[in-house]
Amino acid sequence: MELGKARLSLMVVVTAAVGYFVASQTMEHTNWTRLWWTCLGTFLAAVGASAFNQAIEAPRDARMPRTFKRPIPAGHISRTHAAFVGLIASIIGVAILCPTSNGLAALLCTVNLLLYVLVYTPMKPYTTANTLVGAIVGAIPPMLGWAAAVDRLDAGAWLLGAVLFAWQIPHFLALAWMYRADYAKGGYKMLPVVEPSGRLTCLLAMLYSLVLLPLCVMLVVTGAAGWFFLAGSMMLGLGFFALTLKLAMDKTHANARKLFLGSVLYLPLLMAILVIDARGPLDGLQKAPAGYVAPSNDGSFQDPSLGSR
C-alpha cells in the first residue's frame, strides 16, 4: 500500500466514481456492479502507476527528507520488485475495465498510465511543465468514470476533467512551495525551485483557482449539475481563491500549508455537493422524476428505452 500510494490511489477512485454517478444521473438505475469493477480496475491501475513512479524515482527519493523513508530508498523492496508489482497491477487493472466497463474506459486508463509513467515522471527533473502533464493525469479519472457509465464522453465529462485539472495547479504549487528545498535536493524542476521569489507560483495558483468558478458554472449550463451545486461551488471557490490570495500577500510556509490543506478539503466537498445535487433530494427541482415520460407533439408518449406507446 505504501508502494502504491494507497491514499492517493483512493482519491483517484473517488473522482472516477463521481464521474460515474454524474454521468448515470439520467438513468433510472445505477449499475452498481459495473461501478464496483470500475473502481477496482481504476484503483489497481493507480497502484501500478505509483509503483512504477517510485521504481523510477528511487535514487532521487533517497536524497529528499520527505521521501527517503519510502519502501525502495528505505531498502524494504528492490526497484525490480517494485516495477514488477507495478506491471502486474497495471495489467490487471486495465484487464478488469475492458470487459466489465467498456473499451473507452480501458483506453482512458491505459493512456493515463502511459502519461504518468512515460511522460510525467521522466519530465520532472527537466522542466516545470511536468506540473501541467501531471494535472492532465489527474483530470482523466472522472472522465474514465463517466465513460464507464455511458460509453461516451459528453460535455460534462470534459468539464469535470477540466475542474480536476485546474484544481491540481494551486494544490500542487502549494505543496511544491512548502517543500521547495526538498525538491531542489532531489533535482526536480518545480516552479518554486526555479523561481524562488514565488511571484509566478502565487500568480498561477490565483489564476487557476479563479478558473474553477466559470468551469463550475459551465457544469450547470450543460445540465451536468444544478443550482444547489452552483451555490455551493461558488462559496467553496471564493474561499479557495482567498487562500491563494493570502499566500500571494505573505509567502510563508504556514500560508502555503493552509492553501494545501484548503485544497485537500475543497475537492471532496465539491465532489460531494455535485453527487448530492445530481442524485439527492434536490434532484426533483431540476429534473423530471424517475420514470416520467414526456408526451411527444402528436400526443403519444416516447420512452427512449421502450419506443412509442
C-alpha atoms as a PDB file:
ATOM      1  CA  MET A   1       0.000   0.000   0.000  1.00  0.00           C
ATOM      2  CA  GLU A   2       2.939   2.351   0.627  1.00  0.00           C
ATOM      3  CA  LEU A   3       4.404   1.458  -2.743  1.00  0.00           C
ATOM      4  CA  GLY A   4       1.061   2.068  -4.433  1.00  0.00           C
ATOM      5  CA  LYS A   5       0.365   5.311  -2.502  1.00  0.00           C
ATOM      6  CA  ALA A   6      -2.943   3.919  -1.287  1.00  0.00           C
ATOM      7  CA  ARG A   7      -4.470   7.215  -0.096  1.00  0.00           C
ATOM      8  CA  LEU A   8      -3.695   8.953  -3.380  1.00  0.00           C
ATOM      9  CA  SER A   9      -4.997   5.955  -5.314  1.00  0.00           C
ATOM     10  CA  LEU A  10      -8.236   6.011  -3.308  1.00  0.00           C
ATOM     11  CA  MET A  11      -8.699   9.686  -4.191  1.00  0.00           C
ATOM     12  CA  VAL A  12      -8.337   8.724  -7.855  1.00  0.00           C
ATOM     13  CA  VAL A  13     -11.072   6.119  -7.344  1.00  0.00           C
ATOM     14  CA  VAL A  14     -13.339   8.686  -5.670  1.00  0.00           C
ATOM     15  CA  THR A  15     -13.070  11.109  -8.604  1.00  0.00           C
ATOM     16  CA  ALA A  16     -13.742   8.268 -11.040  1.00  0.00           C
ATOM     17  CA  ALA A  17     -16.815   7.254  -9.024  1.00  0.00           C
ATOM     18  CA  VAL A  18     -18.086  10.854  -9.065  1.00  0.00           C
ATOM     19  CA  GLY A  19     -17.788  10.907 -12.859  1.00  0.00           C
ATOM     20  CA  TYR A  20     -19.735   7.631 -12.969  1.00  0.00           C
ATOM     21  CA  PHE A  21     -22.524   8.937 -10.727  1.00  0.00           C
ATOM     22  CA  VAL A  22     -22.935  12.241 -12.561  1.00  0.00           C
ATOM     23  CA  ALA A  23     -22.992  10.539 -15.970  1.00  0.00           C
ATOM     24  CA  SER A  24     -25.576   7.988 -14.830  1.00  0.00           C
ATOM     25  CA  GLN A  25     -27.936  10.532 -13.218  1.00  0.00           C
ATOM     26  CA  THR A  26     -30.311  10.365 -16.210  1.00  0.00           C
ATOM     27  CA  MET A  27     -30.583   6.578 -15.930  1.00  0.00           C
ATOM     28  CA  GLU A  28     -33.350   5.009 -13.848  1.00  0.00           C
ATOM     29  CA  HIS A  29     -30.991   2.640 -12.091  1.00  0.00           C
ATOM     30  CA  THR A  30     -27.271   2.829 -11.358  1.00  0.00           C
ATOM     31  CA  ASN A  31     -25.361  -0.282 -12.400  1.00  0.00           C
ATOM     32  CA  TRP A  32     -23.644  -0.876  -9.075  1.00  0.00           C
ATOM     33  CA  THR A  33     -21.820  -3.966 -10.304  1.00  0.00           C
ATOM     34  CA  ARG A  34     -20.223  -2.031 -13.126  1.00  0.00           C
ATOM     35  CA  LEU A  35     -19.316   0.775 -10.695  1.00  0.00           C
ATOM     36  CA  TRP A  36     -17.604  -1.735  -8.395  1.00  0.00           C
ATOM     37  CA  TRP A  37     -15.490  -3.180 -11.200  1.00  0.00           C
ATOM     38  CA  THR A  38     -14.692   0.316 -12.482  1.00  0.00           C
ATOM     39  CA  CYS A  39     -13.449   1.354  -9.053  1.00  0.00           C
ATOM     40  CA  LEU A  40     -11.415  -1.828  -8.607  1.00  0.00           C
ATOM     41  CA  GLY A  41      -9.782  -1.571 -12.037  1.00  0.00           C
ATOM     42  CA  THR A  42      -9.046   2.122 -11.535  1.00  0.00           C
ATOM     43  CA  PHE A  43      -7.536   1.502  -8.095  1.00  0.00           C
ATOM     44  CA  LEU A  44      -5.220  -1.253  -9.344  1.00  0.00           C
ATOM     45  CA  ALA A  45      -4.096   0.872 -12.291  1.00  0.00           C
ATOM     46  CA  ALA A  46      -3.360   3.788  -9.938  1.00  0.00           C
ATOM     47  CA  VAL A  47      -1.404   1.484  -7.628  1.00  0.00           C
ATOM     48  CA  GLY A  48       0.564   0.183 -10.604  1.00  0.00           C
ATOM     49  CA  ALA A  49       1.391   3.692 -11.831  1.00  0.00           C
ATOM     50  CA  SER A  50       2.585   4.734  -8.366  1.00  0.00           C
ATOM     51  CA  ALA A  51       4.774   1.618  -8.066  1.00  0.00           C
ATOM     52  CA  PHE A  52       6.383   2.395 -11.427  1.00  0.00           C
ATOM     53  CA  ASN A  53       6.849   6.012 -10.362  1.00  0.00           C
ATOM     54  CA  GLN A  54       8.663   5.032  -7.184  1.00  0.00           C
ATOM     55  CA  ALA A  55      10.816   2.497  -9.021  1.00  0.00           C
ATOM     56  CA  ILE A  56      11.958   5.195 -11.453  1.00  0.00           C
ATOM     57  CA  GLU A  57      12.436   7.934  -8.863  1.00  0.00           C
ATOM     58  CA  ALA A  58      14.040   5.847  -6.085  1.00  0.00           C
ATOM     59  CA  PRO A  59      17.545   7.431  -6.367  1.00  0.00           C
ATOM     60  CA  ARG A  60      16.065  10.945  -6.165  1.00  0.00           C
ATOM     61  CA  ASP A  61      13.663   9.959  -3.381  1.00  0.00           C
ATOM     62  CA  ALA A  62      16.669   8.829  -1.338  1.00  0.00           C
ATOM     63  CA  ARG A  63      18.005  12.411  -1.383  1.00  0.00           C
ATOM     64  CA  MET A  64      14.802  14.032  -0.140  1.00  0.00           C
ATOM     65  CA  PRO A  65      13.889  14.138   3.589  1.00  0.00           C
ATOM     66  CA  ARG A  66      10.185  13.925   2.650  1.00  0.00           C
ATOM     67  CA  THR A  67      10.581  10.678   0.696  1.00  0.00           C
ATOM     68  CA  PHE A  68      13.699   8.837   1.884  1.00  0.00           C
ATOM     69  CA  LYS A  69      11.577   6.507   4.024  1.00  0.00           C
ATOM     70  CA  ARG A  70       9.607   5.207   1.055  1.00  0.00           C
ATOM     71  CA  PRO A  71       9.859   1.417   0.551  1.00  0.00           C
ATOM     72  CA  ILE A  72      12.614   1.421  -2.096  1.00  0.00           C
ATOM     73  CA  PRO A  73      15.079   4.004  -0.688  1.00  0.00           C
ATOM     74  CA  ALA A  74      14.480   2.546   2.791  1.00  0.00           C
ATOM     75  CA  GLY A  75      15.611  -0.842   1.464  1.00  0.00           C
ATOM     76  CA  HIS A  76      12.358  -2.706   2.094  1.00  0.00           C
ATOM     77  CA  ILE A  77      11.874  -3.631  -1.557  1.00  0.00           C
ATOM     78  CA  SER A  78      14.039  -3.572  -4.692  1.00  0.00           C
ATOM     79  CA  ARG A  79      13.411  -1.402  -7.741  1.00  0.00           C
ATOM     80  CA  THR A  80      12.942  -4.562  -9.840  1.00  0.00           C
ATOM     81  CA  HIS A  81      10.374  -5.945  -7.420  1.00  0.00           C
ATOM     82  CA  ALA A  82       8.546  -2.594  -7.377  1.00  0.00           C
ATOM     83  CA  ALA A  83       8.486  -2.438 -11.175  1.00  0.00           C
ATOM     84  CA  PHE A  84       7.117  -5.996 -11.287  1.00  0.00           C
ATOM     85  CA  VAL A  85       4.342  -5.058  -8.849  1.00  0.00           C
ATOM     86  CA  GLY A  86       3.585  -2.012 -11.000  1.00  0.00           C
ATOM     87  CA  LEU A  87       3.420  -4.080 -14.174  1.00  0.00           C
ATOM     88  CA  ILE A  88       1.113  -6.746 -12.724  1.00  0.00           C
ATOM     89  CA  ALA A  89      -1.225  -4.247 -11.024  1.00  0.00           C
ATOM     90  CA  SER A  90      -1.457  -2.111 -14.179  1.00  0.00           C
ATOM     91  CA  ILE A  91      -2.210  -5.069 -16.455  1.00  0.00           C
ATOM     92  CA  ILE A  92      -4.859  -6.468 -14.109  1.00  0.00           C
ATOM     93  CA  GLY A  93      -6.448  -3.033 -13.670  1.00  0.00           C
ATOM     94  CA  VAL A  94      -6.859  -2.444 -17.398  1.00  0.00           C
ATOM     95  CA  ALA A  95      -7.883  -6.065 -17.962  1.00  0.00           C
ATOM     96  CA  ILE A  96     -10.691  -5.655 -15.426  1.00  0.00           C
ATOM     97  CA  LEU A  97     -12.008  -2.477 -17.036  1.00  0.00           C
ATOM     98  CA  CYS A  98     -12.192  -3.776 -20.592  1.00  0.00           C
ATOM     99  CA  PRO A  99     -14.876  -6.492 -20.182  1.00  0.00           C
ATOM    100  CA  THR A 100     -16.669  -5.143 -17.091  1.00  0.00           C
ATOM    101  CA  SER A 101     -16.938  -1.459 -18.067  1.00  0.00           C
ATOM    102  CA  ASN A 102     -16.172  -0.776 -21.725  1.00  0.00           C
ATOM    103  CA  GLY A 103     -13.342  -0.261 -24.173  1.00  0.00           C
ATOM    104  CA  LEU A 104     -13.382   3.537 -23.836  1.00  0.00           C
ATOM    105  CA  ALA A 105     -12.824   3.366 -20.079  1.00  0.00           C
ATOM    106  CA  ALA A 106      -9.990   0.856 -20.557  1.00  0.00           C
ATOM    107  CA  LEU A 107      -8.425   3.078 -23.242  1.00  0.00           C
ATOM    108  CA  LEU A 108      -8.536   6.152 -20.987  1.00  0.00           C
ATOM    109  CA  CYS A 109      -6.970   4.118 -18.190  1.00  0.00           C
ATOM    110  CA  THR A 110      -4.172   2.937 -20.479  1.00  0.00           C
ATOM    111  CA  VAL A 111      -3.479   6.448 -21.780  1.00  0.00           C
ATOM    112  CA  ASN A 112      -3.337   7.756 -18.221  1.00  0.00           C
ATOM    113  CA  LEU A 113      -0.895   5.052 -17.165  1.00  0.00           C
ATOM    114  CA  LEU A 114       1.406   5.812 -20.090  1.00  0.00           C
ATOM    115  CA  LEU A 115       1.229   9.572 -19.468  1.00  0.00           C
ATOM    116  CA  TYR A 116       2.086   9.160 -15.799  1.00  0.00           C
ATOM    117  CA  VAL A 117       4.886   6.630 -16.182  1.00  0.00           C
ATOM    118  CA  LEU A 118       6.452   7.541 -19.531  1.00  0.00           C
ATOM    119  CA  VAL A 119       5.849  11.301 -19.742  1.00  0.00           C
ATOM    120  CA  TYR A 120       5.147  12.953 -16.383  1.00  0.00           C
ATOM    121  CA  THR A 121       7.678  11.027 -14.282  1.00  0.00           C
ATOM    122  CA  PRO A 122      10.658  11.465 -16.681  1.00  0.00           C
ATOM    123  CA  MET A 123       9.816  15.173 -17.170  1.00  0.00           C
ATOM    124  CA  LYS A 124      10.109  16.124 -13.504  1.00  0.00           C
ATOM    125  CA  PRO A 125      13.913  16.588 -13.421  1.00  0.00           C
ATOM    126  CA  TYR A 126      13.951  18.589 -16.670  1.00  0.00           C
ATOM    127  CA  THR A 127      11.071  21.066 -16.934  1.00  0.00           C
ATOM    128  CA  THR A 128       8.456  22.794 -14.800  1.00  0.00           C
ATOM    129  CA  ALA A 129       5.891  21.800 -17.456  1.00  0.00           C
ATOM    130  CA  ASN A 130       5.716  18.444 -15.656  1.00  0.00           C
ATOM    131  CA  THR A 131       3.095  20.011 -13.365  1.00  0.00           C
ATOM    132  CA  LEU A 132       0.755  20.574 -16.307  1.00  0.00           C
ATOM    133  CA  VAL A 133       1.192  16.995 -17.528  1.00  0.00           C
ATOM    134  CA  GLY A 134       0.579  15.738 -14.003  1.00  0.00           C
ATOM    135  CA  ALA A 135      -2.616  17.791 -13.904  1.00  0.00           C
ATOM    136  CA  ILE A 136      -3.784  16.104 -17.122  1.00  0.00           C
ATOM    137  CA  VAL A 137      -3.174  12.730 -15.475  1.00  0.00           C
ATOM    138  CA  GLY A 138      -5.327  13.792 -12.528  1.00  0.00           C
ATOM    139  CA  ALA A 139      -8.063  15.092 -14.821  1.00  0.00           C
ATOM    140  CA  ILE A 140      -8.658  11.790 -16.619  1.00  0.00           C
ATOM    141  CA  PRO A 141     -10.128   9.594 -13.795  1.00  0.00           C
ATOM    142  CA  PRO A 142     -13.524  11.374 -13.602  1.00  0.00           C
ATOM    143  CA  MET A 143     -13.702  11.160 -17.397  1.00  0.00           C
ATOM    144  CA  LEU A 144     -12.914   7.449 -17.120  1.00  0.00           C
ATOM    145  CA  GLY A 145     -15.779   7.019 -14.662  1.00  0.00           C
ATOM    146  CA  TRP A 146     -18.113   8.940 -16.968  1.00  0.00           C
ATOM    147  CA  ALA A 147     -17.120   6.762 -19.922  1.00  0.00           C
ATOM    148  CA  ALA A 148     -17.643   3.600 -17.863  1.00  0.00           C
ATOM    149  CA  ALA A 149     -21.221   4.659 -17.117  1.00  0.00           C
ATOM    150  CA  VAL A 150     -22.432   5.722 -20.581  1.00  0.00           C
ATOM    151  CA  ASP A 151     -19.696   4.621 -23.039  1.00  0.00           C
ATOM    152  CA  ARG A 152     -19.075   8.165 -24.322  1.00  0.00           C
ATOM    153  CA  LEU A 153     -17.576  11.486 -23.252  1.00  0.00           C
ATOM    154  CA  ASP A 154     -20.200  14.221 -23.085  1.00  0.00           C
ATOM    155  CA  ALA A 155     -19.525  17.913 -22.446  1.00  0.00           C
ATOM    156  CA  GLY A 156     -19.968  17.303 -18.726  1.00  0.00           C
ATOM    157  CA  ALA A 157     -17.138  14.757 -18.761  1.00  0.00           C
ATOM    158  CA  TRP A 158     -14.721  17.249 -20.315  1.00  0.00           C
ATOM    159  CA  LEU A 159     -15.783  19.973 -17.898  1.00  0.00           C
ATOM    160  CA  LEU A 160     -15.393  17.673 -14.914  1.00  0.00           C
ATOM    161  CA  GLY A 161     -11.924  16.780 -16.148  1.00  0.00           C
ATOM    162  CA  ALA A 162     -11.152  20.488 -16.553  1.00  0.00           C
ATOM    163  CA  VAL A 163     -12.214  21.122 -12.948  1.00  0.00           C
ATOM    164  CA  LEU A 164      -9.788  18.455 -11.732  1.00  0.00           C
ATOM    165  CA  PHE A 165      -7.051  19.882 -13.971  1.00  0.00           C
ATOM    166  CA  ALA A 166      -7.484  23.452 -12.680  1.00  0.00           C
ATOM    167  CA  TRP A 167      -7.733  22.340  -9.033  1.00  0.00           C
ATOM    168  CA  GLN A 168      -4.433  20.482  -9.182  1.00  0.00           C
ATOM    169  CA  ILE A 169      -2.337  23.524 -10.090  1.00  0.00           C
ATOM    170  CA  PRO A 170      -2.817  25.515  -6.832  1.00  0.00           C
ATOM    171  CA  HIS A 171      -2.955  22.237  -4.894  1.00  0.00           C
ATOM    172  CA  PHE A 172       0.454  21.115  -6.129  1.00  0.00           C
ATOM    173  CA  LEU A 173       2.072  24.579  -6.193  1.00  0.00           C
ATOM    174  CA  ALA A 174       1.257  24.973  -2.505  1.00  0.00           C
ATOM    175  CA  LEU A 175       2.919  21.624  -1.803  1.00  0.00           C
ATOM    176  CA  ALA A 176       5.900  22.499  -4.001  1.00  0.00           C
ATOM    177  CA  TRP A 177       6.348  25.833  -2.187  1.00  0.00           C
ATOM    178  CA  MET A 178       6.313  24.080   1.181  1.00  0.00           C
ATOM    179  CA  TYR A 179       8.896  21.503   0.073  1.00  0.00           C
ATOM    180  CA  ARG A 180      10.916  23.540  -2.440  1.00  0.00           C
ATOM    181  CA  ALA A 181      14.164  22.770  -0.602  1.00  0.00           C
ATOM    182  CA  ASP A 182      13.358  19.042  -0.777  1.00  0.00           C
ATOM    183  CA  TYR A 183      12.610  19.208  -4.485  1.00  0.00           C
ATOM    184  CA  ALA A 184      15.864  21.065  -5.066  1.00  0.00           C
ATOM    185  CA  LYS A 185      17.798  18.306  -3.262  1.00  0.00           C
ATOM    186  CA  GLY A 186      16.053  15.694  -5.391  1.00  0.00           C
ATOM    187  CA  GLY A 187      16.917  17.565  -8.599  1.00  0.00           C
ATOM    188  CA  TYR A 188      13.306  18.217  -9.604  1.00  0.00           C
ATOM    189  CA  LYS A 189      12.445  21.234 -11.744  1.00  0.00           C
ATOM    190  CA  MET A 190       9.424  22.506  -9.873  1.00  0.00           C
ATOM    191  CA  LEU A 191       8.327  26.111 -10.316  1.00  0.00           C
ATOM    192  CA  PRO A 192       9.178  27.244  -6.752  1.00  0.00           C
ATOM    193  CA  VAL A 193      12.668  25.774  -7.241  1.00  0.00           C
ATOM    194  CA  VAL A 194      13.492  27.616 -10.485  1.00  0.00           C
ATOM    195  CA  GLU A 195      11.580  30.783  -9.480  1.00  0.00           C
ATOM    196  CA  PRO A 196      12.456  31.268  -5.790  1.00  0.00           C
ATOM    197  CA  SER A 197      10.704  34.656  -5.479  1.00  0.00           C
ATOM    198  CA  GLY A 198       7.351  32.836  -5.600  1.00  0.00           C
ATOM    199  CA  ARG A 199       5.644  35.554  -7.624  1.00  0.00           C
ATOM    200  CA  LEU A 200       4.797  33.349 -10.597  1.00  0.00           C
ATOM    201  CA  THR A 201       3.908  30.452  -8.316  1.00  0.00           C
ATOM    202  CA  CYS A 202       1.338  32.559  -6.469  1.00  0.00           C
ATOM    203  CA  LEU A 203       0.031  34.189  -9.657  1.00  0.00           C
ATOM    204  CA  LEU A 204      -0.662  30.800 -11.260  1.00  0.00           C
ATOM    205  CA  ALA A 205      -2.266  29.492  -8.062  1.00  0.00           C
ATOM    206  CA  MET A 206      -4.596  32.512  -8.036  1.00  0.00           C
ATOM    207  CA  LEU A 207      -5.451  32.285 -11.747  1.00  0.00           C
ATOM    208  CA  TYR A 208      -6.241  28.569 -11.707  1.00  0.00           C
ATOM    209  CA  SER A 209      -8.349  28.900  -8.566  1.00  0.00           C
ATOM    210  CA  LEU A 210     -10.370  31.602 -10.354  1.00  0.00           C
ATOM    211  CA  VAL A 211     -10.741  29.381 -13.431  1.00  0.00           C
ATOM    212  CA  LEU A 212     -12.606  26.892 -11.250  1.00  0.00           C
ATOM    213  CA  LEU A 213     -15.516  29.342 -10.889  1.00  0.00           C
ATOM    214  CA  PRO A 214     -16.573  29.539 -14.585  1.00  0.00           C
ATOM    215  CA  LEU A 215     -15.917  25.814 -15.023  1.00  0.00           C
ATOM    216  CA  CYS A 216     -18.419  25.061 -12.256  1.00  0.00           C
ATOM    217  CA  VAL A 217     -20.891  27.446 -13.888  1.00  0.00           C
ATOM    218  CA  MET A 218     -20.483  25.580 -17.179  1.00  0.00           C
ATOM    219  CA  LEU A 219     -21.305  22.282 -15.449  1.00  0.00           C
ATOM    220  CA  VAL A 220     -24.656  23.824 -14.580  1.00  0.00           C
ATOM    221  CA  VAL A 221     -25.167  25.327 -18.047  1.00  0.00           C
ATOM    222  CA  THR A 222     -24.597  21.939 -19.711  1.00  0.00           C
ATOM    223  CA  GLY A 223     -27.024  20.203 -17.350  1.00  0.00           C
ATOM    224  CA  ALA A 224     -24.420  18.103 -15.517  1.00  0.00           C
ATOM    225  CA  ALA A 225     -25.256  19.929 -12.278  1.00  0.00           C
ATOM    226  CA  GLY A 226     -27.937  22.206 -10.858  1.00  0.00           C
ATOM    227  CA  TRP A 227     -28.465  25.289  -8.734  1.00  0.00           C
ATOM    228  CA  PHE A 228     -27.516  23.619  -5.464  1.00  0.00           C
ATOM    229  CA  PHE A 229     -24.115  22.769  -6.911  1.00  0.00           C
ATOM    230  CA  LEU A 230     -23.768  26.265  -8.344  1.00  0.00           C
ATOM    231  CA  ALA A 231     -24.304  27.918  -4.964  1.00  0.00           C
ATOM    232  CA  GLY A 232     -22.021  25.514  -3.125  1.00  0.00           C
ATOM    233  CA  SER A 233     -19.246  25.615  -5.712  1.00  0.00           C
ATOM    234  CA  MET A 234     -19.206  29.429  -5.719  1.00  0.00           C
ATOM    235  CA  MET A 235     -18.797  29.580  -1.949  1.00  0.00           C
ATOM    236  CA  LEU A 236     -16.066  26.936  -1.989  1.00  0.00           C
ATOM    237  CA  GLY A 237     -14.336  28.567  -4.964  1.00  0.00           C
ATOM    238  CA  LEU A 238     -14.230  32.018  -3.393  1.00  0.00           C
ATOM    239  CA  GLY A 239     -12.827  30.537  -0.192  1.00  0.00           C
ATOM    240  CA  PHE A 240     -10.196  28.654  -2.200  1.00  0.00           C
ATOM    241  CA  PHE A 241      -9.230  31.852  -4.045  1.00  0.00           C
ATOM    242  CA  ALA A 242      -8.940  33.718  -0.735  1.00  0.00           C
ATOM    243  CA  LEU A 243      -6.323  31.195   0.409  1.00  0.00           C
ATOM    244  CA  THR A 244      -4.278  31.694  -2.780  1.00  0.00           C
ATOM    245  CA  LEU A 245      -4.527  35.461  -2.318  1.00  0.00           C
ATOM    246  CA  LYS A 246      -3.321  35.156   1.266  1.00  0.00           C
ATOM    247  CA  LEU A 247      -0.267  33.197   0.113  1.00  0.00           C
ATOM    248  CA  ALA A 248       0.475  35.784  -2.584  1.00  0.00           C
ATOM    249  CA  MET A 249       0.407  38.570   0.017  1.00  0.00           C
ATOM    250  CA  ASP A 250       2.580  36.675   2.514  1.00  0.00           C
ATOM    251  CA  LYS A 251       4.593  33.769   1.098  1.00  0.00           C
ATOM    252  CA  THR A 252       5.142  31.867   4.315  1.00  0.00           C
ATOM    253  CA  HIS A 253       5.255  28.136   4.900  1.00  0.00           C
ATOM    254  CA  ALA A 254       2.193  28.483   7.137  1.00  0.00           C
ATOM    255  CA  ASN A 255       0.116  30.138   4.391  1.00  0.00           C
ATOM    256  CA  ALA A 256       1.252  27.555   1.836  1.00  0.00           C
ATOM    257  CA  ARG A 257       0.185  24.834   4.237  1.00  0.00           C
ATOM    258  CA  LYS A 258      -3.216  26.491   4.699  1.00  0.00           C
ATOM    259  CA  LEU A 259      -3.656  26.598   0.924  1.00  0.00           C
ATOM    260  CA  PHE A 260      -2.632  22.954   0.597  1.00  0.00           C
ATOM    261  CA  LEU A 261      -4.992  21.815   3.353  1.00  0.00           C
ATOM    262  CA  GLY A 262      -7.728  24.037   1.904  1.00  0.00           C
ATOM    263  CA  SER A 263      -7.293  22.364  -1.475  1.00  0.00           C
ATOM    264  CA  VAL A 264      -7.476  18.936   0.162  1.00  0.00           C
ATOM    265  CA  LEU A 265     -10.766  19.991   1.771  1.00  0.00           C
ATOM    266  CA  TYR A 266     -12.111  21.767  -1.324  1.00  0.00           C
ATOM    267  CA  LEU A 267     -12.112  18.798  -3.689  1.00  0.00           C
ATOM    268  CA  PRO A 268     -14.071  16.217  -1.644  1.00  0.00           C
ATOM    269  CA  LEU A 269     -16.576  18.887  -0.623  1.00  0.00           C
ATOM    270  CA  LEU A 270     -17.060  19.933  -4.241  1.00  0.00           C
ATOM    271  CA  MET A 271     -17.453  16.306  -5.350  1.00  0.00           C
ATOM    272  CA  ALA A 272     -19.915  15.618  -2.530  1.00  0.00           C
ATOM    273  CA  ILE A 273     -22.033  18.636  -3.487  1.00  0.00           C
ATOM    274  CA  LEU A 274     -22.014  17.522  -7.108  1.00  0.00           C
ATOM    275  CA  VAL A 275     -23.180  13.994  -6.270  1.00  0.00           C
ATOM    276  CA  ILE A 276     -25.850  15.250  -3.852  1.00  0.00           C
ATOM    277  CA  ASP A 277     -27.060  17.716  -6.473  1.00  0.00           C
ATOM    278  CA  ALA A 278     -27.281  15.001  -9.127  1.00  0.00           C
ATOM    279  CA  ARG A 279     -28.763  12.187  -7.048  1.00  0.00           C
ATOM    280  CA  GLY A 280     -30.116  13.616  -3.798  1.00  0.00           C
ATOM    281  CA  PRO A 281     -33.487  15.044  -2.696  1.00  0.00           C
ATOM    282  CA  LEU A 282     -32.905  18.302  -4.564  1.00  0.00           C
ATOM    283  CA  ASP A 283     -32.808  16.375  -7.838  1.00  0.00           C
ATOM    284  CA  GLY A 284     -36.529  16.814  -8.333  1.00  0.00           C
ATOM    285  CA  LEU A 285     -36.151  20.600  -8.500  1.00  0.00           C
ATOM    286  CA  GLN A 286     -34.020  20.288 -11.620  1.00  0.00           C
ATOM    287  CA  LYS A 287     -35.031  17.136 -13.482  1.00  0.00           C
ATOM    288  CA  ALA A 288     -38.193  15.159 -14.096  1.00  0.00           C
ATOM    289  CA  PRO A 289     -38.860  12.348 -11.610  1.00  0.00           C
ATOM    290  CA  ALA A 290     -37.502   8.909 -12.424  1.00  0.00           C
ATOM    291  CA  GLY A 291     -39.911   7.067 -14.707  1.00  0.00           C
ATOM    292  CA  TYR A 292     -41.527  10.229 -16.052  1.00  0.00           C
ATOM    293  CA  VAL A 293     -42.169  10.076 -19.812  1.00  0.00           C
ATOM    294  CA  ALA A 294     -42.782  13.328 -21.675  1.00  0.00           C
ATOM    295  CA  PRO A 295     -45.534  13.421 -24.337  1.00  0.00           C
ATOM    296  CA  SER A 296     -44.474  13.989 -27.919  1.00  0.00           C
ATOM    297  CA  ASN A 297     -46.040  16.529 -30.287  1.00  0.00           C
ATOM    298  CA  ASP A 298     -48.638  14.068 -31.594  1.00  0.00           C
ATOM    299  CA  GLY A 299     -49.862  13.212 -28.094  1.00  0.00           C
ATOM    300  CA  SER A 300     -48.157   9.796 -27.858  1.00  0.00           C
ATOM    301  CA  PHE A 301     -45.560   9.012 -25.228  1.00  0.00           C
ATOM    302  CA  GLN A 302     -41.971   8.359 -26.210  1.00  0.00           C
ATOM    303  CA  ASP A 303     -39.624   6.479 -23.906  1.00  0.00           C
ATOM    304  CA  PRO A 304     -36.132   6.117 -25.458  1.00  0.00           C
ATOM    305  CA  SER A 305     -35.719   2.650 -23.992  1.00  0.00           C
ATOM    306  CA  LEU A 306     -39.177   1.271 -24.900  1.00  0.00           C
ATOM    307  CA  GLY A 307     -40.277   3.031 -28.066  1.00  0.00           C
ATOM    308  CA  SER A 308     -43.696   4.678 -28.654  1.00  0.00           C
ATOM    309  CA  ARG A 309     -46.739   3.658 -26.662  1.00  0.00           C
END
